[in-house]
Each structure stands twice: as C-alpha cells, then as structure tokens.
Amino acid sequence: LQNETGKIRADSKLDINLERSRVTDMFTDQERKLMEATTEFHKKVSS
C-alpha cells in the first residue's frame, strides 16, 4: 500500500511539474507577443 501511495505521489508531482512548465512557457510566449505588439505600436505612433 505504501508503495502504491508513493507511485501516486510521484505521478502527481510529475504532473504538477509538467503543468507548471507548460504555464511558464505560455506566460513567456504571451510576454513575447506583448513586447512585439508594443514595439509595433510605438513604430506606428512615431512615424
């Protein structure tokens, strides 16, 4: 029973870490897109 509990905990930790990584990647991508949009906006405003 302890062995099964340990496996479930390990799987849960892996799932949480993968999800955290996925969210971090999504956030980084959104930040990049925001920077690109801001740069494009400033180029259009200044011309």
N, C-alpha and C. Protein backbone atom coordinates (compact mmCIF):
# COMPACT_ATOMS: atom_id res chain seq x y z
N LEU A 1 0.83 -1.21 0.00
CA LEU A 1 0.00 0.00 0.00
C LEU A 1 0.87 1.27 0.00
N GLN A 2 1.94 1.25 0.80
CA GLN A 2 2.84 2.41 0.82
C GLN A 2 3.50 2.60 -0.54
N ASN A 3 3.83 1.49 -1.19
CA ASN A 3 4.46 1.57 -2.50
C ASN A 3 3.52 2.22 -3.51
N GLU A 4 2.26 1.83 -3.48
CA GLU A 4 1.26 2.41 -4.39
C GLU A 4 1.07 3.90 -4.10
N THR A 5 1.03 4.25 -2.83
CA THR A 5 0.89 5.66 -2.45
C THR A 5 2.08 6.46 -2.95
N GLY A 6 3.26 5.91 -2.83
CA GLY A 6 4.47 6.57 -3.32
C GLY A 6 4.43 6.79 -4.82
N LYS A 7 3.94 5.79 -5.55
CA LYS A 7 3.82 5.92 -7.01
C LYS A 7 2.84 7.02 -7.39
N ILE A 8 1.71 7.05 -6.68
CA ILE A 8 0.70 8.08 -6.95
C ILE A 8 1.26 9.47 -6.67
N ARG A 9 1.97 9.60 -5.56
CA ARG A 9 2.59 10.89 -5.23
C ARG A 9 3.61 11.30 -6.29
N ALA A 10 4.42 10.37 -6.73
CA ALA A 10 5.43 10.67 -7.75
C ALA A 10 4.75 11.10 -9.05
N ASP A 11 3.69 10.39 -9.43
CA ASP A 11 2.96 10.76 -10.65
C ASP A 11 2.33 12.15 -10.51
N SER A 12 1.79 12.43 -9.34
CA SER A 12 1.18 13.73 -9.10
C SER A 12 2.21 14.85 -9.16
N LYS A 13 3.37 14.61 -8.56
CA LYS A 13 4.44 15.61 -8.61
C LYS A 13 4.88 15.85 -10.05
N LEU A 14 5.01 14.79 -10.82
CA LEU A 14 5.40 14.92 -12.21
C LEU A 14 4.36 15.73 -12.98
N ASP A 15 3.08 15.41 -12.77
CA ASP A 15 2.01 16.14 -13.44
C ASP A 15 2.03 17.62 -13.08
N ILE A 16 2.23 17.90 -11.80
CA ILE A 16 2.28 19.30 -11.36
C ILE A 16 3.46 20.02 -11.98
N ASN A 17 4.62 19.37 -12.02
CA ASN A 17 5.80 19.99 -12.61
C ASN A 17 5.63 20.22 -14.11
N LEU A 18 5.03 19.26 -14.80
CA LEU A 18 4.78 19.44 -16.23
C LEU A 18 3.81 20.59 -16.48
N GLU A 19 2.77 20.66 -15.67
CA GLU A 19 1.79 21.74 -15.81
C GLU A 19 2.42 23.09 -15.51
N ARG A 20 3.25 23.14 -14.48
CA ARG A 20 3.94 24.39 -14.15
C ARG A 20 4.83 24.83 -15.31
N SER A 21 5.53 23.89 -15.90
CA SER A 21 6.39 24.19 -17.03
C SER A 21 5.57 24.69 -18.22
N ARG A 22 4.43 24.04 -18.47
CA ARG A 22 3.57 24.44 -19.58
C ARG A 22 3.04 25.86 -19.38
N VAL A 23 2.62 26.18 -18.16
CA VAL A 23 2.11 27.51 -17.86
C VAL A 23 3.23 28.55 -17.99
N THR A 24 4.41 28.22 -17.52
CA THR A 24 5.56 29.12 -17.65
C THR A 24 5.86 29.40 -19.11
N ASP A 25 5.83 28.36 -19.94
CA ASP A 25 6.05 28.54 -21.38
C ASP A 25 4.98 29.43 -22.00
N MET A 26 3.72 29.21 -21.60
CA MET A 26 2.63 30.03 -22.12
C MET A 26 2.82 31.49 -21.72
N PHE A 27 3.20 31.73 -20.47
CA PHE A 27 3.42 33.08 -19.98
C PHE A 27 4.55 33.76 -20.77
N THR A 28 5.64 33.04 -20.98
CA THR A 28 6.77 33.58 -21.73
C THR A 28 6.36 33.94 -23.15
N ASP A 29 5.57 33.08 -23.78
CA ASP A 29 5.09 33.34 -25.13
C ASP A 29 4.19 34.58 -25.15
N GLN A 30 3.32 34.72 -24.17
CA GLN A 30 2.45 35.89 -24.09
C GLN A 30 3.27 37.17 -23.87
N GLU A 31 4.28 37.09 -23.05
CA GLU A 31 5.15 38.25 -22.82
C GLU A 31 5.85 38.66 -24.12
N ARG A 32 6.32 37.68 -24.88
CA ARG A 32 6.98 37.96 -26.15
C ARG A 32 6.01 38.63 -27.12
N LYS A 33 4.80 38.10 -27.21
CA LYS A 33 3.80 38.69 -28.10
C LYS A 33 3.44 40.11 -27.68
N LEU A 34 3.35 40.34 -26.38
CA LEU A 34 3.06 41.68 -25.88
C LEU A 34 4.17 42.64 -26.24
N MET A 35 5.42 42.21 -26.09
CA MET A 35 6.55 43.07 -26.45
C MET A 35 6.54 43.39 -27.94
N GLU A 36 6.24 42.39 -28.77
CA GLU A 36 6.17 42.61 -30.21
C GLU A 36 5.07 43.61 -30.55
N ALA A 37 3.90 43.46 -29.92
CA ALA A 37 2.79 44.37 -30.18
C ALA A 37 3.12 45.79 -29.71
N THR A 38 3.78 45.90 -28.57
CA THR A 38 4.16 47.21 -28.04
C THR A 38 5.16 47.88 -28.98
N THR A 39 6.13 47.12 -29.45
CA THR A 39 7.12 47.66 -30.39
C THR A 39 6.45 48.12 -31.67
N GLU A 40 5.55 47.31 -32.20
CA GLU A 40 4.82 47.66 -33.42
C GLU A 40 4.00 48.93 -33.21
N PHE A 41 3.34 49.03 -32.07
CA PHE A 41 2.55 50.21 -31.74
C PHE A 41 3.43 51.46 -31.71
N HIS A 42 4.57 51.38 -31.04
CA HIS A 42 5.46 52.54 -30.93
C HIS A 42 6.02 52.93 -32.30
N LYS A 43 6.28 51.96 -33.16
CA LYS A 43 6.76 52.27 -34.51
C LYS A 43 5.70 53.04 -35.29
N LYS A 44 4.44 52.60 -35.18
CA LYS A 44 3.36 53.27 -35.91
C LYS A 44 3.09 54.66 -35.35
N VAL A 45 3.17 54.82 -34.03
CA VAL A 45 2.91 56.12 -33.41
C VAL A 45 4.00 57.11 -33.78
N SER A 46 5.24 56.66 -33.83
CA SER A 46 6.36 57.57 -34.08
C SER A 46 6.53 57.92 -35.56
N SER A 47 5.85 57.21 -36.45
CA SER A 47 6.02 57.53 -37.88
C SER A 47 4.91 58.38 -38.43
